[in-house]
Amino acid sequence: MPRACQPGWETDCYPMTREQMDDGAEPLRTIIVGVTPMARLYRNLLTSDIERAAREEIIGLVCFDRHFLHSYCYGMKVLGRINDLEFIVEH
Protein backbone atom coordinates (compact mmCIF):
# COMPACT_ATOMS: atom_id res chain seq x y z
CA MET A 1 0.00 0.00 0.00
CA PRO A 2 1.43 3.42 -0.90
CA ARG A 3 1.99 6.05 1.73
CA ALA A 4 1.21 9.72 1.28
CA CYS A 5 4.02 12.13 1.94
CA GLN A 6 3.99 15.89 1.80
CA PRO A 7 7.44 17.39 1.33
CA GLY A 8 8.41 19.11 4.53
CA TRP A 9 7.10 16.33 6.76
CA GLU A 10 10.62 14.99 6.99
CA THR A 11 10.12 12.84 10.09
CA ASP A 12 7.12 11.10 8.54
CA CYS A 13 8.65 10.76 5.10
CA TYR A 14 11.87 8.95 5.84
CA PRO A 15 11.42 5.22 5.43
CA MET A 16 13.19 2.68 7.57
CA THR A 17 16.90 2.11 7.11
CA ARG A 18 18.26 -0.69 4.97
CA GLU A 19 19.22 -2.57 8.13
CA GLN A 20 15.62 -2.38 9.38
CA MET A 21 14.21 -3.72 6.10
CA ASP A 22 13.97 -7.44 5.49
CA ASP A 23 16.30 -8.81 2.85
CA GLY A 24 14.57 -8.59 -0.50
CA ALA A 25 11.83 -6.30 0.84
CA GLU A 26 9.98 -4.25 -1.72
CA PRO A 27 10.65 -0.49 -1.66
CA LEU A 28 8.04 1.68 -0.01
CA ARG A 29 5.63 3.05 -2.59
CA THR A 30 5.17 6.79 -2.01
CA ILE A 31 2.62 9.32 -3.25
CA ILE A 32 3.69 12.93 -2.82
CA VAL A 33 0.95 15.37 -1.80
CA GLY A 34 1.11 18.70 -3.62
CA VAL A 35 2.59 19.95 -6.87
CA THR A 36 5.20 22.27 -5.41
CA PRO A 37 8.90 22.98 -5.81
CA MET A 38 9.36 20.94 -2.61
CA ALA A 39 8.00 17.89 -4.47
CA ARG A 40 10.74 18.32 -7.06
CA LEU A 41 13.33 18.79 -4.34
CA TYR A 42 12.17 15.59 -2.61
CA ARG A 43 12.39 13.64 -5.88
CA ASN A 44 15.87 15.04 -6.56
CA LEU A 45 16.95 14.15 -3.03
CA LEU A 46 15.75 10.60 -3.55
CA THR A 47 17.50 10.17 -6.90
CA SER A 48 20.78 11.52 -5.52
CA ASP A 49 20.85 9.09 -2.57
CA ILE A 50 21.42 5.56 -3.89
CA GLU A 51 20.77 3.84 -0.56
CA ARG A 52 17.53 5.72 -0.04
CA ALA A 53 16.42 5.18 -3.64
CA ALA A 54 16.59 1.43 -3.05
CA ARG A 55 14.15 1.79 -0.13
CA GLU A 56 11.56 4.10 -1.69
CA GLU A 57 9.66 4.35 -4.97
CA ILE A 58 7.71 7.48 -5.89
CA ILE A 59 4.50 6.47 -7.65
CA GLY A 60 3.37 10.01 -8.42
CA LEU A 61 1.75 13.15 -7.09
CA VAL A 62 -1.70 14.13 -5.94
CA CYS A 63 -2.64 17.78 -6.15
CA PHE A 64 -5.15 20.35 -4.99
CA ASP A 65 -5.45 22.13 -8.36
CA ARG A 66 -7.52 20.53 -11.15
CA HIS A 67 -5.30 22.13 -13.82
CA PHE A 68 -2.57 19.57 -13.13
CA LEU A 69 -4.81 16.49 -13.38
CA HIS A 70 -3.53 13.59 -15.49
CA SER A 71 -0.38 15.39 -16.55
CA TYR A 72 3.27 15.20 -15.57
CA CYS A 73 4.95 17.67 -13.27
CA TYR A 74 8.66 17.57 -12.43
CA GLY A 75 8.86 14.26 -14.29
CA MET A 76 6.27 12.60 -12.05
CA LYS A 77 2.72 11.63 -12.99
CA VAL A 78 -0.08 13.62 -11.35
CA LEU A 79 -2.44 10.81 -10.36
CA GLY A 80 -5.41 12.92 -9.31
CA ARG A 81 -6.68 15.32 -6.70
CA ILE A 82 -6.21 14.96 -2.97
CA ASN A 83 -9.90 13.98 -2.70
CA ASP A 84 -9.18 10.97 -4.94
CA LEU A 85 -6.39 9.66 -2.72
CA GLU A 86 -8.40 6.74 -1.32
CA PHE A 87 -9.36 5.59 -4.83
CA ILE A 88 -5.75 5.98 -6.06
CA VAL A 89 -4.39 3.88 -3.20
CA GLU A 90 -6.89 1.10 -3.88
CA HIS A 91 -5.89 0.89 -7.54
PDB file of N, CA and C in Angstrom:
ATOM      1  N   MET A   1       0.842  -1.173   0.000  1.00  0.00           N
ATOM      2  CA  MET A   1       0.000   0.000   0.000  1.00  0.00           C
ATOM      3  C   MET A   1       0.891   1.240   0.000  1.00  0.00           C
ATOM      4  N   PRO A   2       0.630   2.196  -0.872  1.00  0.00           N
ATOM      5  CA  PRO A   2       1.431   3.420  -0.900  1.00  0.00           C
ATOM      6  C   PRO A   2       1.215   4.252   0.354  1.00  0.00           C
ATOM      7  N   ARG A   3       2.149   5.106   0.637  1.00  0.00           N
ATOM      8  CA  ARG A   3       1.991   6.049   1.735  1.00  0.00           C
ATOM      9  C   ARG A   3       2.009   7.444   1.158  1.00  0.00           C
ATOM     10  N   ALA A   4       1.243   8.330   1.727  1.00  0.00           N
ATOM     11  CA  ALA A   4       1.208   9.716   1.277  1.00  0.00           C
ATOM     12  C   ALA A   4       2.260  10.499   2.037  1.00  0.00           C
ATOM     13  N   CYS A   5       2.942  11.363   1.341  1.00  0.00           N
ATOM     14  CA  CYS A   5       4.021  12.128   1.943  1.00  0.00           C
ATOM     15  C   CYS A   5       3.989  13.537   1.377  1.00  0.00           C
ATOM     16  N   GLN A   6       3.904  14.508   2.240  1.00  0.00           N
ATOM     17  CA  GLN A   6       3.989  15.890   1.800  1.00  0.00           C
ATOM     18  C   GLN A   6       5.394  16.379   2.091  1.00  0.00           C
ATOM     19  N   PRO A   7       6.101  16.885   1.078  1.00  0.00           N
ATOM     20  CA  PRO A   7       7.442  17.385   1.334  1.00  0.00           C
ATOM     21  C   PRO A   7       7.425  18.400   2.458  1.00  0.00           C
ATOM     22  N   GLY A   8       8.378  18.267   3.357  1.00  0.00           N
ATOM     23  CA  GLY A   8       8.414  19.113   4.529  1.00  0.00           C
ATOM     24  C   GLY A   8       8.050  18.345   5.792  1.00  0.00           C
ATOM     25  N   TRP A   9       7.411  17.190   5.618  1.00  0.00           N
ATOM     26  CA  TRP A   9       7.098  16.332   6.756  1.00  0.00           C
ATOM     27  C   TRP A   9       8.243  15.344   6.927  1.00  0.00           C
ATOM     28  N   GLU A  10       9.437  15.835   7.049  1.00  0.00           N
ATOM     29  CA  GLU A  10      10.621  14.991   6.991  1.00  0.00           C
ATOM     30  C   GLU A  10      10.581  13.805   7.941  1.00  0.00           C
ATOM     31  N   THR A  11      10.108  13.967   9.154  1.00  0.00           N
ATOM     32  CA  THR A  11      10.125  12.843  10.088  1.00  0.00           C
ATOM     33  C   THR A  11       9.165  11.755   9.660  1.00  0.00           C
ATOM     34  N   ASP A  12       8.066  12.103   8.998  1.00  0.00           N
ATOM     35  CA  ASP A  12       7.116  11.098   8.545  1.00  0.00           C
ATOM     36  C   ASP A  12       7.502  10.514   7.199  1.00  0.00           C
ATOM     37  N   CYS A  13       8.339  11.195   6.455  1.00  0.00           N
ATOM     38  CA  CYS A  13       8.647  10.758   5.101  1.00  0.00           C
ATOM     39  C   CYS A  13       9.776   9.745   5.040  1.00  0.00           C
ATOM     40  N   TYR A  14      10.726   9.840   5.955  1.00  0.00           N
ATOM     41  CA  TYR A  14      11.871   8.946   5.843  1.00  0.00           C
ATOM     42  C   TYR A  14      11.467   7.515   6.122  1.00  0.00           C
ATOM     43  N   PRO A  15      11.727   6.627   5.185  1.00  0.00           N
ATOM     44  CA  PRO A  15      11.425   5.217   5.427  1.00  0.00           C
ATOM     45  C   PRO A  15      12.474   4.602   6.343  1.00  0.00           C
ATOM     46  N   MET A  16      12.246   3.369   6.703  1.00  0.00           N
ATOM     47  CA  MET A  16      13.193   2.678   7.570  1.00  0.00           C
ATOM     48  C   MET A  16      14.544   2.518   6.884  1.00  0.00           C
ATOM     49  N   THR A  17      15.562   2.285   7.665  1.00  0.00           N
ATOM     50  CA  THR A  17      16.896   2.111   7.105  1.00  0.00           C
ATOM     51  C   THR A  17      17.013   0.750   6.448  1.00  0.00           C
ATOM     52  N   ARG A  18      18.043   0.581   5.655  1.00  0.00           N
ATOM     53  CA  ARG A  18      18.263  -0.690   4.974  1.00  0.00           C
ATOM     54  C   ARG A  18      18.401  -1.828   5.985  1.00  0.00           C
ATOM     55  N   GLU A  19      19.040  -1.542   7.123  1.00  0.00           N
ATOM     56  CA  GLU A  19      19.218  -2.575   8.135  1.00  0.00           C
ATOM     57  C   GLU A  19      17.883  -2.988   8.748  1.00  0.00           C
ATOM     58  N   GLN A  20      16.919  -2.074   8.804  1.00  0.00           N
ATOM     59  CA  GLN A  20      15.616  -2.376   9.376  1.00  0.00           C
ATOM     60  C   GLN A  20      14.712  -3.109   8.385  1.00  0.00           C
ATOM     61  N   MET A  21      15.017  -3.038   7.107  1.00  0.00           N
ATOM     62  CA  MET A  21      14.215  -3.724   6.097  1.00  0.00           C
ATOM     63  C   MET A  21      14.612  -5.182   6.040  1.00  0.00           C
ATOM     64  N   ASP A  22      13.660  -6.036   5.718  1.00  0.00           N
ATOM     65  CA  ASP A  22      13.969  -7.435   5.492  1.00  0.00           C
ATOM     66  C   ASP A  22      14.747  -7.561   4.202  1.00  0.00           C
ATOM     67  N   ASP A  23      15.589  -8.577   4.105  1.00  0.00           N
ATOM     68  CA  ASP A  23      16.300  -8.811   2.853  1.00  0.00           C
ATOM     69  C   ASP A  23      15.288  -9.080   1.752  1.00  0.00           C
ATOM     70  N   GLY A  24      15.461  -8.412   0.643  1.00  0.00           N
ATOM     71  CA  GLY A  24      14.568  -8.587  -0.496  1.00  0.00           C
ATOM     72  C   GLY A  24      13.236  -7.875  -0.346  1.00  0.00           C
ATOM     73  N   ALA A  25      13.088  -7.024   0.644  1.00  0.00           N
ATOM     74  CA  ALA A  25      11.828  -6.304   0.840  1.00  0.00           C
ATOM     75  C   ALA A  25      11.596  -5.331  -0.308  1.00  0.00           C
ATOM     76  N   GLU A  26      10.351  -5.189  -0.672  1.00  0.00           N
ATOM     77  CA  GLU A  26       9.982  -4.247  -1.720  1.00  0.00           C
ATOM     78  C   GLU A  26      10.169  -2.823  -1.219  1.00  0.00           C
ATOM     79  N   PRO A  27      10.545  -1.890  -2.101  1.00  0.00           N
ATOM     80  CA  PRO A  27      10.654  -0.488  -1.664  1.00  0.00           C
ATOM     81  C   PRO A  27       9.281   0.068  -1.286  1.00  0.00           C
ATOM     82  N   LEU A  28       9.286   1.035  -0.405  1.00  0.00           N
ATOM     83  CA  LEU A  28       8.039   1.684  -0.011  1.00  0.00           C
ATOM     84  C   LEU A  28       7.507   2.506  -1.177  1.00  0.00           C
ATOM     85  N   ARG A  29       6.256   2.306  -1.509  1.00  0.00           N
ATOM     86  CA  ARG A  29       5.634   3.054  -2.595  1.00  0.00           C
ATOM     87  C   ARG A  29       5.074   4.340  -2.016  1.00  0.00           C
ATOM     88  N   THR A  30       5.470   5.484  -2.592  1.00  0.00           N
ATOM     89  CA  THR A  30       5.166   6.788  -2.014  1.00  0.00           C
ATOM     90  C   THR A  30       4.391   7.652  -2.997  1.00  0.00           C
ATOM     91  N   ILE A  31       3.367   8.316  -2.494  1.00  0.00           N
ATOM     92  CA  ILE A  31       2.621   9.315  -3.251  1.00  0.00           C
ATOM     93  C   ILE A  31       2.897  10.656  -2.589  1.00  0.00           C
ATOM     94  N   ILE A  32       3.386  11.604  -3.351  1.00  0.00           N
ATOM     95  CA  ILE A  32       3.685  12.929  -2.819  1.00  0.00           C
ATOM     96  C   ILE A  32       2.444  13.805  -2.932  1.00  0.00           C
ATOM     97  N   VAL A  33       2.124  14.498  -1.850  1.00  0.00           N
ATOM     98  CA  VAL A  33       0.953  15.374  -1.803  1.00  0.00           C
ATOM     99  C   VAL A  33       1.391  16.790  -2.147  1.00  0.00           C
ATOM    100  N   GLY A  34       0.838  17.317  -3.230  1.00  0.00           N
ATOM    101  CA  GLY A  34       1.108  18.697  -3.616  1.00  0.00           C
ATOM    102  C   GLY A  34       2.066  18.802  -4.785  1.00  0.00           C
ATOM    103  N   VAL A  35       1.727  19.642  -5.737  1.00  0.00           N
ATOM    104  CA  VAL A  35       2.595  19.947  -6.873  1.00  0.00           C
ATOM    105  C   VAL A  35       3.295  21.252  -6.507  1.00  0.00           C
ATOM    106  N   THR A  36       4.457  21.111  -5.898  1.00  0.00           N
ATOM    107  CA  THR A  36       5.199  22.272  -5.406  1.00  0.00           C
ATOM    108  C   THR A  36       6.680  22.082  -5.724  1.00  0.00           C
ATOM    109  N   PRO A  37       7.449  23.139  -5.639  1.00  0.00           N
ATOM    110  CA  PRO A  37       8.899  22.979  -5.806  1.00  0.00           C
ATOM    111  C   PRO A  37       9.498  22.004  -4.787  1.00  0.00           C
ATOM    112  N   MET A  38       8.878  21.899  -3.600  1.00  0.00           N
ATOM    113  CA  MET A  38       9.362  20.941  -2.608  1.00  0.00           C
ATOM    114  C   MET A  38       9.196  19.499  -3.095  1.00  0.00           C
ATOM    115  N   ALA A  39       8.172  19.228  -3.898  1.00  0.00           N
ATOM    116  CA  ALA A  39       8.000  17.888  -4.467  1.00  0.00           C
ATOM    117  C   ALA A  39       9.176  17.562  -5.380  1.00  0.00           C
ATOM    118  N   ARG A  40       9.578  18.519  -6.188  1.00  0.00           N
ATOM    119  CA  ARG A  40      10.739  18.320  -7.064  1.00  0.00           C
ATOM    120  C   ARG A  40      12.002  18.133  -6.245  1.00  0.00           C
ATOM    121  N   LEU A  41      12.166  18.913  -5.206  1.00  0.00           N
ATOM    122  CA  LEU A  41      13.325  18.788  -4.338  1.00  0.00           C
ATOM    123  C   LEU A  41      13.372  17.409  -3.688  1.00  0.00           C
ATOM    124  N   TYR A  42      12.232  16.915  -3.226  1.00  0.00           N
ATOM    125  CA  TYR A  42      12.166  15.588  -2.610  1.00  0.00           C
ATOM    126  C   TYR A  42      12.555  14.510  -3.615  1.00  0.00           C
ATOM    127  N   ARG A  43      12.033  14.617  -4.839  1.00  0.00           N
ATOM    128  CA  ARG A  43      12.390  13.639  -5.875  1.00  0.00           C
ATOM    129  C   ARG A  43      13.882  13.703  -6.185  1.00  0.00           C
ATOM    130  N   ASN A  44      14.442  14.900  -6.292  1.00  0.00           N
ATOM    131  CA  ASN A  44      15.875  15.043  -6.561  1.00  0.00           C
ATOM    132  C   ASN A  44      16.708  14.485  -5.417  1.00  0.00           C
ATOM    133  N   LEU A  45      16.257  14.704  -4.192  1.00  0.00           N
ATOM    134  CA  LEU A  45      16.951  14.148  -3.031  1.00  0.00           C
ATOM    135  C   LEU A  45      16.962  12.630  -3.094  1.00  0.00           C
ATOM    136  N   LEU A  46      15.845  12.053  -3.465  1.00  0.00           N
ATOM    137  CA  LEU A  46      15.747  10.598  -3.553  1.00  0.00           C
ATOM    138  C   LEU A  46      16.652  10.046  -4.647  1.00  0.00           C
ATOM    139  N   THR A  47      16.684  10.694  -5.805  1.00  0.00           N
ATOM    140  CA  THR A  47      17.502  10.173  -6.896  1.00  0.00           C
ATOM    141  C   THR A  47      18.988  10.368  -6.653  1.00  0.00           C
ATOM    142  N   SER A  48      19.358  11.304  -5.780  1.00  0.00           N
ATOM    143  CA  SER A  48      20.778  11.522  -5.521  1.00  0.00           C
ATOM    144  C   SER A  48      21.313  10.639  -4.391  1.00  0.00           C
ATOM    145  N   ASP A  49      20.448   9.945  -3.692  1.00  0.00           N
ATOM    146  CA  ASP A  49      20.852   9.088  -2.574  1.00  0.00           C
ATOM    147  C   ASP A  49      20.573   7.637  -2.958  1.00  0.00           C
ATOM    148  N   ILE A  50      21.596   6.918  -3.371  1.00  0.00           N
ATOM    149  CA  ILE A  50      21.424   5.562  -3.893  1.00  0.00           C
ATOM    150  C   ILE A  50      20.822   4.630  -2.848  1.00  0.00           C
ATOM    151  N   GLU A  51      21.297   4.722  -1.605  1.00  0.00           N
ATOM    152  CA  GLU A  51      20.767   3.837  -0.565  1.00  0.00           C
ATOM    153  C   GLU A  51      19.287   4.103  -0.318  1.00  0.00           C
ATOM    154  N   ARG A  52      18.927   5.365  -0.281  1.00  0.00           N
ATOM    155  CA  ARG A  52      17.528   5.721  -0.042  1.00  0.00           C
ATOM    156  C   ARG A  52      16.651   5.362  -1.241  1.00  0.00           C
ATOM    157  N   ALA A  53      17.181   5.504  -2.438  1.00  0.00           N
ATOM    158  CA  ALA A  53      16.418   5.181  -3.641  1.00  0.00           C
ATOM    159  C   ALA A  53      16.061   3.699  -3.684  1.00  0.00           C
ATOM    160  N   ALA A  54      16.882   2.858  -3.085  1.00  0.00           N
ATOM    161  CA  ALA A  54      16.586   1.434  -3.046  1.00  0.00           C
ATOM    162  C   ALA A  54      15.458   1.113  -2.075  1.00  0.00           C
ATOM    163  N   ARG A  55      15.168   2.026  -1.148  1.00  0.00           N
ATOM    164  CA  ARG A  55      14.148   1.792  -0.134  1.00  0.00           C
ATOM    165  C   ARG A  55      12.800   2.428  -0.466  1.00  0.00           C
ATOM    166  N   GLU A  56      12.768   3.314  -1.452  1.00  0.00           N
ATOM    167  CA  GLU A  56      11.564   4.100  -1.687  1.00  0.00           C
ATOM    168  C   GLU A  56      11.312   4.276  -3.179  1.00  0.00           C
ATOM    169  N   GLU A  57      10.060   4.159  -3.573  1.00  0.00           N
ATOM    170  CA  GLU A  57       9.658   4.347  -4.972  1.00  0.00           C
ATOM    171  C   GLU A  57       8.535   5.376  -5.019  1.00  0.00           C
ATOM    172  N   ILE A  58       8.755   6.465  -5.755  1.00  0.00           N
ATOM    173  CA  ILE A  58       7.707   7.481  -5.892  1.00  0.00           C
ATOM    174  C   ILE A  58       6.777   7.059  -7.022  1.00  0.00           C
ATOM    175  N   ILE A  59       5.511   6.872  -6.671  1.00  0.00           N
ATOM    176  CA  ILE A  59       4.501   6.471  -7.652  1.00  0.00           C
ATOM    177  C   ILE A  59       4.036   7.679  -8.446  1.00  0.00           C
ATOM    178  N   GLY A  60       3.834   8.797  -7.756  1.00  0.00           N
ATOM    179  CA  GLY A  60       3.373  10.007  -8.420  1.00  0.00           C
ATOM    180  C   GLY A  60       2.943  11.050  -7.404  1.00  0.00           C
ATOM    181  N   LEU A  61       2.207  12.020  -7.902  1.00  0.00           N
ATOM    182  CA  LEU A  61       1.750  13.151  -7.094  1.00  0.00           C
ATOM    183  C   LEU A  61       0.234  13.176  -7.032  1.00  0.00           C
ATOM    184  N   VAL A  62      -0.301  13.722  -5.963  1.00  0.00           N
ATOM    185  CA  VAL A  62      -1.704  14.134  -5.938  1.00  0.00           C
ATOM    186  C   VAL A  62      -1.693  15.631  -5.671  1.00  0.00           C
ATOM    187  N   CYS A  63      -2.680  16.323  -6.212  1.00  0.00           N
ATOM    188  CA  CYS A  63      -2.644  17.784  -6.149  1.00  0.00           C
ATOM    189  C   CYS A  63      -3.970  18.351  -5.659  1.00  0.00           C
ATOM    190  N   PHE A  64      -3.951  19.632  -5.403  1.00  0.00           N
ATOM    191  CA  PHE A  64      -5.147  20.355  -4.991  1.00  0.00           C
ATOM    192  C   PHE A  64      -5.789  21.075  -6.178  1.00  0.00           C
ATOM    193  N   ASP A  65      -5.027  21.321  -7.220  1.00  0.00           N
ATOM    194  CA  ASP A  65      -5.453  22.132  -8.363  1.00  0.00           C
ATOM    195  C   ASP A  65      -5.850  21.230  -9.533  1.00  0.00           C
ATOM    196  N   ARG A  66      -7.037  21.397 -10.063  1.00  0.00           N
ATOM    197  CA  ARG A  66      -7.522  20.534 -11.154  1.00  0.00           C
ATOM    198  C   ARG A  66      -6.770  20.752 -12.464  1.00  0.00           C
ATOM    199  N   HIS A  67      -6.020  21.849 -12.578  1.00  0.00           N
ATOM    200  CA  HIS A  67      -5.297  22.132 -13.819  1.00  0.00           C
ATOM    201  C   HIS A  67      -4.139  21.162 -14.049  1.00  0.00           C
ATOM    202  N   PHE A  68      -3.676  20.506 -13.004  1.00  0.00           N
ATOM    203  CA  PHE A  68      -2.565  19.566 -13.134  1.00  0.00           C
ATOM    204  C   PHE A  68      -3.017  18.125 -13.361  1.00  0.00           C
ATOM    205  N   LEU A  69      -4.316  17.859 -13.315  1.00  0.00           N
ATOM    206  CA  LEU A  69      -4.809  16.489 -13.377  1.00  0.00           C
ATOM    207  C   LEU A  69      -4.332  15.750 -14.623  1.00  0.00           C
ATOM    208  N   HIS A  70      -3.910  14.518 -14.421  1.00  0.00           N
ATOM    209  CA  HIS A  70      -3.527  13.588 -15.490  1.00  0.00           C
ATOM    210  C   HIS A  70      -2.441  14.150 -16.404  1.00  0.00           C
ATOM    211  N   SER A  71      -1.525  14.871 -15.808  1.00  0.00           N
ATOM    212  CA  SER A  71      -0.379  15.385 -16.552  1.00  0.00           C
ATOM    213  C   SER A  71       0.882  14.959 -15.809  1.00  0.00           C
ATOM    214  N   TYR A  72       2.003  15.458 -16.245  1.00  0.00           N
ATOM    215  CA  TYR A  72       3.270  15.198 -15.574  1.00  0.00           C
ATOM    216  C   TYR A  72       3.806  16.524 -15.042  1.00  0.00           C
ATOM    217  N   CYS A  73       4.364  16.482 -13.862  1.00  0.00           N
ATOM    218  CA  CYS A  73       4.954  17.665 -13.273  1.00  0.00           C
ATOM    219  C   CYS A  73       6.256  17.239 -12.610  1.00  0.00           C
ATOM    220  N   TYR A  74       7.329  17.909 -12.945  1.00  0.00           N
ATOM    221  CA  TYR A  74       8.665  17.572 -12.428  1.00  0.00           C
ATOM    222  C   TYR A  74       9.051  16.129 -12.766  1.00  0.00           C
ATOM    223  N   GLY A  75       8.537  15.621 -13.869  1.00  0.00           N
ATOM    224  CA  GLY A  75       8.860  14.261 -14.292  1.00  0.00           C
ATOM    225  C   GLY A  75       8.072  13.180 -13.571  1.00  0.00           C
ATOM    226  N   MET A  76       7.094  13.561 -12.775  1.00  0.00           N
ATOM    227  CA  MET A  76       6.266  12.601 -12.045  1.00  0.00           C
ATOM    228  C   MET A  76       4.818  12.742 -12.486  1.00  0.00           C
ATOM    229  N   LYS A  77       4.116  11.625 -12.573  1.00  0.00           N
ATOM    230  CA  LYS A  77       2.719  11.628 -12.993  1.00  0.00           C
ATOM    231  C   LYS A  77       1.836  12.202 -11.889  1.00  0.00           C
ATOM    232  N   VAL A  78       0.930  13.112 -12.280  1.00  0.00           N
ATOM    233  CA  VAL A  78      -0.084  13.618 -11.350  1.00  0.00           C
ATOM    234  C   VAL A  78      -1.250  12.643 -11.433  1.00  0.00           C
ATOM    235  N   LEU A  79      -1.473  11.902 -10.363  1.00  0.00           N
ATOM    236  CA  LEU A  79      -2.436  10.805 -10.355  1.00  0.00           C
ATOM    237  C   LEU A  79      -3.868  11.257 -10.144  1.00  0.00           C
ATOM    238  N   GLY A  80      -4.063  12.421  -9.570  1.00  0.00           N
ATOM    239  CA  GLY A  80      -5.410  12.920  -9.311  1.00  0.00           C
ATOM    240  C   GLY A  80      -5.381  14.002  -8.252  1.00  0.00           C
ATOM    241  N   ARG A  81      -6.561  14.309  -7.752  1.00  0.00           N
ATOM    242  CA  ARG A  81      -6.683  15.320  -6.702  1.00  0.00           C
ATOM    243  C   ARG A  81      -6.571  14.655  -5.339  1.00  0.00           C
ATOM    244  N   ILE A  82      -6.346  15.465  -4.337  1.00  0.00           N
ATOM    245  CA  ILE A  82      -6.212  14.956  -2.970  1.00  0.00           C
ATOM    246  C   ILE A  82      -7.480  14.219  -2.542  1.00  0.00           C
ATOM    247  N   ASN A  83      -8.632  14.648  -3.040  1.00  0.00           N
ATOM    248  CA  ASN A  83      -9.898  13.983  -2.704  1.00  0.00           C
ATOM    249  C   ASN A  83      -9.973  12.576  -3.282  1.00  0.00           C
ATOM    250  N   ASP A  84      -9.178  12.283  -4.294  1.00  0.00           N
ATOM    251  CA  ASP A  84      -9.177  10.973  -4.944  1.00  0.00           C
ATOM    252  C   ASP A  84      -8.155  10.023  -4.329  1.00  0.00           C
ATOM    253  N   LEU A  85      -7.503  10.437  -3.275  1.00  0.00           N
ATOM    254  CA  LEU A  85      -6.394   9.661  -2.723  1.00  0.00           C
ATOM    255  C   LEU A  85      -6.804   8.242  -2.339  1.00  0.00           C
ATOM    256  N   GLU A  86      -7.950   8.074  -1.712  1.00  0.00           N
ATOM    257  CA  GLU A  86      -8.395   6.741  -1.320  1.00  0.00           C
ATOM    258  C   GLU A  86      -8.569   5.842  -2.538  1.00  0.00           C
ATOM    259  N   PHE A  87      -9.179   6.349  -3.600  1.00  0.00           N
ATOM    260  CA  PHE A  87      -9.359   5.587  -4.826  1.00  0.00           C
ATOM    261  C   PHE A  87      -8.015   5.238  -5.470  1.00  0.00           C
ATOM    262  N   ILE A  88      -7.086   6.189  -5.481  1.00  0.00           N
ATOM    263  CA  ILE A  88      -5.755   5.984  -6.064  1.00  0.00           C
ATOM    264  C   ILE A  88      -5.015   4.880  -5.318  1.00  0.00           C
ATOM    265  N   VAL A  89      -5.078   4.888  -3.994  1.00  0.00           N
ATOM    266  CA  VAL A  89      -4.389   3.885  -3.200  1.00  0.00           C
ATOM    267  C   VAL A  89      -4.957   2.496  -3.454  1.00  0.00           C
ATOM    268  N   GLU A  90      -6.265   2.403  -3.626  1.00  0.00           N
ATOM    269  CA  GLU A  90      -6.895   1.103  -3.882  1.00  0.00           C
ATOM    270  C   GLU A  90      -6.510   0.520  -5.223  1.00  0.00           C
ATOM    271  N   HIS A  91      -6.211   1.370  -6.189  1.00  0.00           N
ATOM    272  CA  HIS A  91      -5.892   0.889  -7.536  1.00  0.00           C
ATOM    273  C   HIS A  91      -4.447   1.102  -7.819  1.00  0.00           C
TER     274      HIS A  91
END
